[in-house]
Amino acid sequence: MKYFVILAFAAIVISLGTALFFMMKSDSKGKSRSQKMALALALRVGLSIALFIAILLAWKLGLIQPSGISAGQ
């Protein structure tokens, strides 16, 4: 599970970097660049939602346990 989370975070950061690349690159074909940037950002959102759902499912199935300070202390 630990490696999956690290891989998902890396994919999210790479997708964000790709969107930044398409945003910064100037070209006469501005529309195709903006479409690629929007696709990269949509992919980032999808990966973030998938990561959240995977962590939630892993917690519900008992694969991971919460740790930290309890609420009563």
PDB file of N, CA and C in Angstrom:
ATOM      1  N   MET A   1       0.823  -1.189   0.000  1.00  0.00           N
ATOM      2  CA  MET A   1       0.000   0.000   0.000  1.00  0.00           C
ATOM      3  C   MET A   1       0.868   1.254   0.000  1.00  0.00           C
ATOM      4  N   LYS A   2       1.992   1.169   0.719  1.00  0.00           N
ATOM      5  CA  LYS A   2       2.887   2.312   0.812  1.00  0.00           C
ATOM      6  C   LYS A   2       3.440   2.693  -0.564  1.00  0.00           C
ATOM      7  N   TYR A   3       3.792   1.691  -1.342  1.00  0.00           N
ATOM      8  CA  TYR A   3       4.340   1.955  -2.665  1.00  0.00           C
ATOM      9  C   TYR A   3       3.272   2.489  -3.615  1.00  0.00           C
ATOM     10  N   PHE A   4       2.046   2.025  -3.458  1.00  0.00           N
ATOM     11  CA  PHE A   4       0.947   2.526  -4.272  1.00  0.00           C
ATOM     12  C   PHE A   4       0.709   4.011  -4.022  1.00  0.00           C
ATOM     13  N   VAL A   5       0.735   4.424  -2.771  1.00  0.00           N
ATOM     14  CA  VAL A   5       0.528   5.829  -2.428  1.00  0.00           C
ATOM     15  C   VAL A   5       1.669   6.680  -2.987  1.00  0.00           C
ATOM     16  N   ILE A   6       2.891   6.221  -2.850  1.00  0.00           N
ATOM     17  CA  ILE A   6       4.038   6.962  -3.378  1.00  0.00           C
ATOM     18  C   ILE A   6       3.944   7.084  -4.899  1.00  0.00           C
ATOM     19  N   LEU A   7       3.570   6.002  -5.558  1.00  0.00           N
ATOM     20  CA  LEU A   7       3.418   6.018  -7.011  1.00  0.00           C
ATOM     21  C   LEU A   7       2.289   6.959  -7.442  1.00  0.00           C
ATOM     22  N   ALA A   8       1.189   6.944  -6.705  1.00  0.00           N
ATOM     23  CA  ALA A   8       0.068   7.827  -7.040  1.00  0.00           C
ATOM     24  C   ALA A   8       0.448   9.290  -6.849  1.00  0.00           C
ATOM     25  N   PHE A   9       1.153   9.618  -5.756  1.00  0.00           N
ATOM     26  CA  PHE A   9       1.606  10.991  -5.554  1.00  0.00           C
ATOM     27  C   PHE A   9       2.562  11.420  -6.670  1.00  0.00           C
ATOM     28  N   ALA A  10       3.437  10.530  -7.074  1.00  0.00           N
ATOM     29  CA  ALA A  10       4.366  10.855  -8.163  1.00  0.00           C
ATOM     30  C   ALA A  10       3.601  11.115  -9.466  1.00  0.00           C
ATOM     31  N   ALA A  11       2.584  10.306  -9.744  1.00  0.00           N
ATOM     32  CA  ALA A  11       1.794  10.508 -10.957  1.00  0.00           C
ATOM     33  C   ALA A  11       1.034  11.834 -10.904  1.00  0.00           C
ATOM     34  N   ILE A  12       0.550  12.201  -9.726  1.00  0.00           N
ATOM     35  CA  ILE A  12      -0.158  13.471  -9.566  1.00  0.00           C
ATOM     36  C   ILE A  12       0.788  14.639  -9.814  1.00  0.00           C
ATOM     37  N   VAL A  13       1.994  14.584  -9.261  1.00  0.00           N
ATOM     38  CA  VAL A  13       2.962  15.661  -9.446  1.00  0.00           C
ATOM     39  C   VAL A  13       3.414  15.737 -10.903  1.00  0.00           C
ATOM     40  N   ILE A  14       3.615  14.603 -11.547  1.00  0.00           N
ATOM     41  CA  ILE A  14       4.010  14.591 -12.955  1.00  0.00           C
ATOM     42  C   ILE A  14       2.906  15.185 -13.822  1.00  0.00           C
ATOM     43  N   SER A  15       1.661  14.855 -13.527  1.00  0.00           N
ATOM     44  CA  SER A  15       0.549  15.421 -14.278  1.00  0.00           C
ATOM     45  C   SER A  15       0.459  16.934 -14.083  1.00  0.00           C
ATOM     46  N   LEU A  16       0.710  17.388 -12.875  1.00  0.00           N
ATOM     47  CA  LEU A  16       0.707  18.828 -12.608  1.00  0.00           C
ATOM     48  C   LEU A  16       1.854  19.515 -13.354  1.00  0.00           C
ATOM     49  N   GLY A  17       3.015  18.882 -13.385  1.00  0.00           N
ATOM     50  CA  GLY A  17       4.146  19.430 -14.134  1.00  0.00           C
ATOM     51  C   GLY A  17       3.881  19.472 -15.623  1.00  0.00           C
ATOM     52  N   THR A  18       3.197  18.464 -16.140  1.00  0.00           N
ATOM     53  CA  THR A  18       2.845  18.442 -17.557  1.00  0.00           C
ATOM     54  C   THR A  18       1.903  19.593 -17.895  1.00  0.00           C
ATOM     55  N   ALA A  19       0.944  19.839 -17.012  1.00  0.00           N
ATOM     56  CA  ALA A  19       0.030  20.961 -17.239  1.00  0.00           C
ATOM     57  C   ALA A  19       0.793  22.286 -17.208  1.00  0.00           C
ATOM     58  N   LEU A  20       1.746  22.413 -16.303  1.00  0.00           N
ATOM     59  CA  LEU A  20       2.556  23.623 -16.236  1.00  0.00           C
ATOM     60  C   LEU A  20       3.365  23.794 -17.519  1.00  0.00           C
ATOM     61  N   PHE A  21       3.909  22.712 -18.028  1.00  0.00           N
ATOM     62  CA  PHE A  21       4.673  22.767 -19.277  1.00  0.00           C
ATOM     63  C   PHE A  21       3.810  23.280 -20.429  1.00  0.00           C
ATOM     64  N   PHE A  22       2.597  22.735 -20.559  1.00  0.00           N
ATOM     65  CA  PHE A  22       1.719  23.164 -21.638  1.00  0.00           C
ATOM     66  C   PHE A  22       1.235  24.598 -21.437  1.00  0.00           C
ATOM     67  N   MET A  23       1.130  25.033 -20.183  1.00  0.00           N
ATOM     68  CA  MET A  23       0.708  26.399 -19.930  1.00  0.00           C
ATOM     69  C   MET A  23       1.816  27.387 -20.296  1.00  0.00           C
ATOM     70  N   MET A  24       3.050  27.048 -19.994  1.00  0.00           N
ATOM     71  CA  MET A  24       4.166  27.962 -20.215  1.00  0.00           C
ATOM     72  C   MET A  24       4.653  27.976 -21.658  1.00  0.00           C
ATOM     73  N   LYS A  25       4.446  26.897 -22.371  1.00  0.00           N
ATOM     74  CA  LYS A  25       4.937  26.822 -23.750  1.00  0.00           C
ATOM     75  C   LYS A  25       4.056  27.680 -24.646  1.00  0.00           C
ATOM     76  N   SER A  26       4.685  28.642 -25.304  1.00  0.00           N
ATOM     77  CA  SER A  26       3.922  29.516 -26.192  1.00  0.00           C
ATOM     78  C   SER A  26       4.002  28.982 -27.617  1.00  0.00           C
ATOM     79  N   ASP A  27       2.880  29.030 -28.292  1.00  0.00           N
ATOM     80  CA  ASP A  27       2.810  28.536 -29.654  1.00  0.00           C
ATOM     81  C   ASP A  27       1.632  29.217 -30.340  1.00  0.00           C
ATOM     82  N   SER A  28       1.650  29.252 -31.646  1.00  0.00           N
ATOM     83  CA  SER A  28       0.540  29.865 -32.378  1.00  0.00           C
ATOM     84  C   SER A  28      -0.727  29.027 -32.274  1.00  0.00           C
ATOM     85  N   LYS A  29      -0.577  27.765 -31.944  1.00  0.00           N
ATOM     86  CA  LYS A  29      -1.731  26.870 -31.781  1.00  0.00           C
ATOM     87  C   LYS A  29      -2.151  26.866 -30.311  1.00  0.00           C
ATOM     88  N   GLY A  30      -2.643  27.975 -29.836  1.00  0.00           N
ATOM     89  CA  GLY A  30      -2.991  28.114 -28.424  1.00  0.00           C
ATOM     90  C   GLY A  30      -4.099  27.190 -27.969  1.00  0.00           C
ATOM     91  N   LYS A  31      -5.025  26.897 -28.852  1.00  0.00           N
ATOM     92  CA  LYS A  31      -6.158  26.073 -28.441  1.00  0.00           C
ATOM     93  C   LYS A  31      -5.735  24.636 -28.134  1.00  0.00           C
ATOM     94  N   SER A  32      -4.885  24.064 -28.983  1.00  0.00           N
ATOM     95  CA  SER A  32      -4.471  22.685 -28.735  1.00  0.00           C
ATOM     96  C   SER A  32      -3.638  22.589 -27.460  1.00  0.00           C
ATOM     97  N   ARG A  33      -2.843  23.615 -27.153  1.00  0.00           N
ATOM     98  CA  ARG A  33      -2.057  23.630 -25.923  1.00  0.00           C
ATOM     99  C   ARG A  33      -2.968  23.710 -24.704  1.00  0.00           C
ATOM    100  N   SER A  34      -4.006  24.539 -24.797  1.00  0.00           N
ATOM    101  CA  SER A  34      -4.907  24.664 -23.653  1.00  0.00           C
ATOM    102  C   SER A  34      -5.718  23.388 -23.457  1.00  0.00           C
ATOM    103  N   GLN A  35      -6.038  22.704 -24.532  1.00  0.00           N
ATOM    104  CA  GLN A  35      -6.751  21.434 -24.400  1.00  0.00           C
ATOM    105  C   GLN A  35      -5.866  20.387 -23.731  1.00  0.00           C
ATOM    106  N   LYS A  36      -4.585  20.371 -24.090  1.00  0.00           N
ATOM    107  CA  LYS A  36      -3.661  19.422 -23.456  1.00  0.00           C
ATOM    108  C   LYS A  36      -3.474  19.756 -21.988  1.00  0.00           C
ATOM    109  N   MET A  37      -3.412  21.051 -21.662  1.00  0.00           N
ATOM    110  CA  MET A  37      -3.279  21.461 -20.270  1.00  0.00           C
ATOM    111  C   MET A  37      -4.522  21.058 -19.472  1.00  0.00           C
ATOM    112  N   ALA A  38      -5.699  21.276 -20.053  1.00  0.00           N
ATOM    113  CA  ALA A  38      -6.939  20.906 -19.379  1.00  0.00           C
ATOM    114  C   ALA A  38      -7.021  19.392 -19.171  1.00  0.00           C
ATOM    115  N   LEU A  39      -6.557  18.635 -20.154  1.00  0.00           N
ATOM    116  CA  LEU A  39      -6.556  17.174 -20.020  1.00  0.00           C
ATOM    117  C   LEU A  39      -5.610  16.727 -18.904  1.00  0.00           C
ATOM    118  N   ALA A  40      -4.435  17.355 -18.817  1.00  0.00           N
ATOM    119  CA  ALA A  40      -3.481  17.004 -17.760  1.00  0.00           C
ATOM    120  C   ALA A  40      -4.040  17.348 -16.386  1.00  0.00           C
ATOM    121  N   LEU A  41      -4.727  18.486 -16.274  1.00  0.00           N
ATOM    122  CA  LEU A  41      -5.322  18.860 -14.992  1.00  0.00           C
ATOM    123  C   LEU A  41      -6.495  17.951 -14.631  1.00  0.00           C
ATOM    124  N   ALA A  42      -7.279  17.551 -15.628  1.00  0.00           N
ATOM    125  CA  ALA A  42      -8.373  16.616 -15.373  1.00  0.00           C
ATOM    126  C   ALA A  42      -7.829  15.259 -14.924  1.00  0.00           C
ATOM    127  N   LEU A  43      -6.733  14.837 -15.519  1.00  0.00           N
ATOM    128  CA  LEU A  43      -6.093  13.589 -15.104  1.00  0.00           C
ATOM    129  C   LEU A  43      -5.606  13.685 -13.659  1.00  0.00           C
ATOM    130  N   ARG A  44      -5.052  14.842 -13.289  1.00  0.00           N
ATOM    131  CA  ARG A  44      -4.593  15.048 -11.915  1.00  0.00           C
ATOM    132  C   ARG A  44      -5.745  14.951 -10.929  1.00  0.00           C
ATOM    133  N   VAL A  45      -6.866  15.557 -11.266  1.00  0.00           N
ATOM    134  CA  VAL A  45      -8.037  15.486 -10.387  1.00  0.00           C
ATOM    135  C   VAL A  45      -8.528  14.042 -10.272  1.00  0.00           C
ATOM    136  N   GLY A  46      -8.570  13.338 -11.390  1.00  0.00           N
ATOM    137  CA  GLY A  46      -8.992  11.938 -11.366  1.00  0.00           C
ATOM    138  C   GLY A  46      -8.067  11.069 -10.535  1.00  0.00           C
ATOM    139  N   LEU A  47      -6.762  11.291 -10.653  1.00  0.00           N
ATOM    140  CA  LEU A  47      -5.804  10.528  -9.851  1.00  0.00           C
ATOM    141  C   LEU A  47      -5.940  10.847  -8.366  1.00  0.00           C
ATOM    142  N   SER A  48      -6.196  12.098  -8.050  1.00  0.00           N
ATOM    143  CA  SER A  48      -6.363  12.486  -6.646  1.00  0.00           C
ATOM    144  C   SER A  48      -7.603  11.833  -6.044  1.00  0.00           C
ATOM    145  N   ILE A  49      -8.686  11.823  -6.796  1.00  0.00           N
ATOM    146  CA  ILE A  49      -9.920  11.179  -6.313  1.00  0.00           C
ATOM    147  C   ILE A  49      -9.709   9.674  -6.169  1.00  0.00           C
ATOM    148  N   ALA A  50      -9.039   9.060  -7.125  1.00  0.00           N
ATOM    149  CA  ALA A  50      -8.766   7.624  -7.059  1.00  0.00           C
ATOM    150  C   ALA A  50      -7.884   7.287  -5.858  1.00  0.00           C
ATOM    151  N   LEU A  51      -6.898   8.131  -5.574  1.00  0.00           N
ATOM    152  CA  LEU A  51      -6.036   7.901  -4.419  1.00  0.00           C
ATOM    153  C   LEU A  51      -6.831   8.006  -3.125  1.00  0.00           C
ATOM    154  N   PHE A  52      -7.701   9.010  -3.023  1.00  0.00           N
ATOM    155  CA  PHE A  52      -8.525   9.168  -1.828  1.00  0.00           C
ATOM    156  C   PHE A  52      -9.431   7.958  -1.620  1.00  0.00           C
ATOM    157  N   ILE A  53     -10.069   7.494  -2.687  1.00  0.00           N
ATOM    158  CA  ILE A  53     -10.957   6.331  -2.584  1.00  0.00           C
ATOM    159  C   ILE A  53     -10.165   5.077  -2.218  1.00  0.00           C
ATOM    160  N   ALA A  54      -8.969   4.922  -2.778  1.00  0.00           N
ATOM    161  CA  ALA A  54      -8.144   3.750  -2.461  1.00  0.00           C
ATOM    162  C   ALA A  54      -7.718   3.759  -0.992  1.00  0.00           C
ATOM    163  N   ILE A  55      -7.355   4.926  -0.474  1.00  0.00           N
ATOM    164  CA  ILE A  55      -6.976   5.011   0.943  1.00  0.00           C
ATOM    165  C   ILE A  55      -8.175   4.731   1.832  1.00  0.00           C
ATOM    166  N   LEU A  56      -9.339   5.257   1.462  1.00  0.00           N
ATOM    167  CA  LEU A  56     -10.541   5.013   2.240  1.00  0.00           C
ATOM    168  C   LEU A  56     -10.918   3.536   2.239  1.00  0.00           C
ATOM    169  N   LEU A  57     -10.835   2.887   1.077  1.00  0.00           N
ATOM    170  CA  LEU A  57     -11.138   1.454   0.996  1.00  0.00           C
ATOM    171  C   LEU A  57     -10.123   0.617   1.787  1.00  0.00           C
ATOM    172  N   ALA A  58      -8.860   0.988   1.710  1.00  0.00           N
ATOM    173  CA  ALA A  58      -7.845   0.253   2.460  1.00  0.00           C
ATOM    174  C   ALA A  58      -8.096   0.372   3.965  1.00  0.00           C
ATOM    175  N   TRP A  59      -8.541   1.533   4.406  1.00  0.00           N
ATOM    176  CA  TRP A  59      -8.858   1.714   5.828  1.00  0.00           C
ATOM    177  C   TRP A  59     -10.073   0.875   6.216  1.00  0.00           C
ATOM    178  N   LYS A  60     -11.112   0.880   5.368  1.00  0.00           N
ATOM    179  CA  LYS A  60     -12.322   0.109   5.669  1.00  0.00           C
ATOM    180  C   LYS A  60     -12.054  -1.399   5.662  1.00  0.00           C
ATOM    181  N   LEU A  61     -11.145  -1.848   4.791  1.00  0.00           N
ATOM    182  CA  LEU A  61     -10.824  -3.269   4.723  1.00  0.00           C
ATOM    183  C   LEU A  61      -9.797  -3.694   5.769  1.00  0.00           C
ATOM    184  N   GLY A  62      -9.257  -2.751   6.520  1.00  0.00           N
ATOM    185  CA  GLY A  62      -8.301  -3.067   7.568  1.00  0.00           C
ATOM    186  C   GLY A  62      -6.871  -3.209   7.097  1.00  0.00           C
ATOM    187  N   LEU A  63      -6.581  -2.788   5.881  1.00  0.00           N
ATOM    188  CA  LEU A  63      -5.216  -2.899   5.368  1.00  0.00           C
ATOM    189  C   LEU A  63      -4.301  -1.842   5.980  1.00  0.00           C
ATOM    190  N   ILE A  64      -4.867  -0.716   6.351  1.00  0.00           N
ATOM    191  CA  ILE A  64      -4.107   0.340   7.024  1.00  0.00           C
ATOM    192  C   ILE A  64      -4.836   0.731   8.298  1.00  0.00           C
ATOM    193  N   GLN A  65      -4.110   1.182   9.271  1.00  0.00           N
ATOM    194  CA  GLN A  65      -4.677   1.590  10.545  1.00  0.00           C
ATOM    195  C   GLN A  65      -4.336   3.041  10.807  1.00  0.00           C
ATOM    196  N   PRO A  66      -5.293   3.811  11.322  1.00  0.00           N
ATOM    197  CA  PRO A  66      -4.967   5.195  11.669  1.00  0.00           C
ATOM    198  C   PRO A  66      -4.037   5.241  12.866  1.00  0.00           C
ATOM    199  N   SER A  67      -3.184   6.227  12.895  1.00  0.00           N
ATOM    200  CA  SER A  67      -2.298   6.384  14.032  1.00  0.00           C
ATOM    201  C   SER A  67      -2.229   7.865  14.375  1.00  0.00           C
ATOM    202  N   GLY A  68      -1.781   8.157  15.552  1.00  0.00           N
ATOM    203  CA  GLY A  68      -1.674   9.544  15.975  1.00  0.00           C
ATOM    204  C   GLY A  68      -2.338   9.749  17.315  1.00  0.00           C
ATOM    205  N   ILE A  69      -2.564  10.983  17.649  1.00  0.00           N
ATOM    206  CA  ILE A  69      -3.170  11.338  18.925  1.00  0.00           C
ATOM    207  C   ILE A  69      -4.677  11.099  18.858  1.00  0.00           C
ATOM    208  N   SER A  70      -5.222  10.455  19.878  1.00  0.00           N
ATOM    209  CA  SER A  70      -6.666  10.223  19.888  1.00  0.00           C
ATOM    210  C   SER A  70      -7.393  11.525  20.184  1.00  0.00           C
ATOM    211  N   ALA A  71      -8.655  11.583  19.866  1.00  0.00           N
ATOM    212  CA  ALA A  71      -9.439  12.811  19.986  1.00  0.00           C
ATOM    213  C   ALA A  71      -9.655  13.242  21.439  1.00  0.00           C
ATOM    214  N   GLY A  72      -9.604  12.317  22.377  1.00  0.00           N
ATOM    215  CA  GLY A  72      -9.887  12.640  23.779  1.00  0.00           C
ATOM    216  C   GLY A  72      -8.701  13.234  24.529  1.00  0.00           C
ATOM    217  N   GLN A  73      -7.543  13.295  23.940  1.00  0.00           N
ATOM    218  CA  GLN A  73      -6.363  13.771  24.681  1.00  0.00           C
ATOM    219  C   GLN A  73      -6.012  15.175  24.334  1.00  0.00           C
TER     220      GLN A  73
END
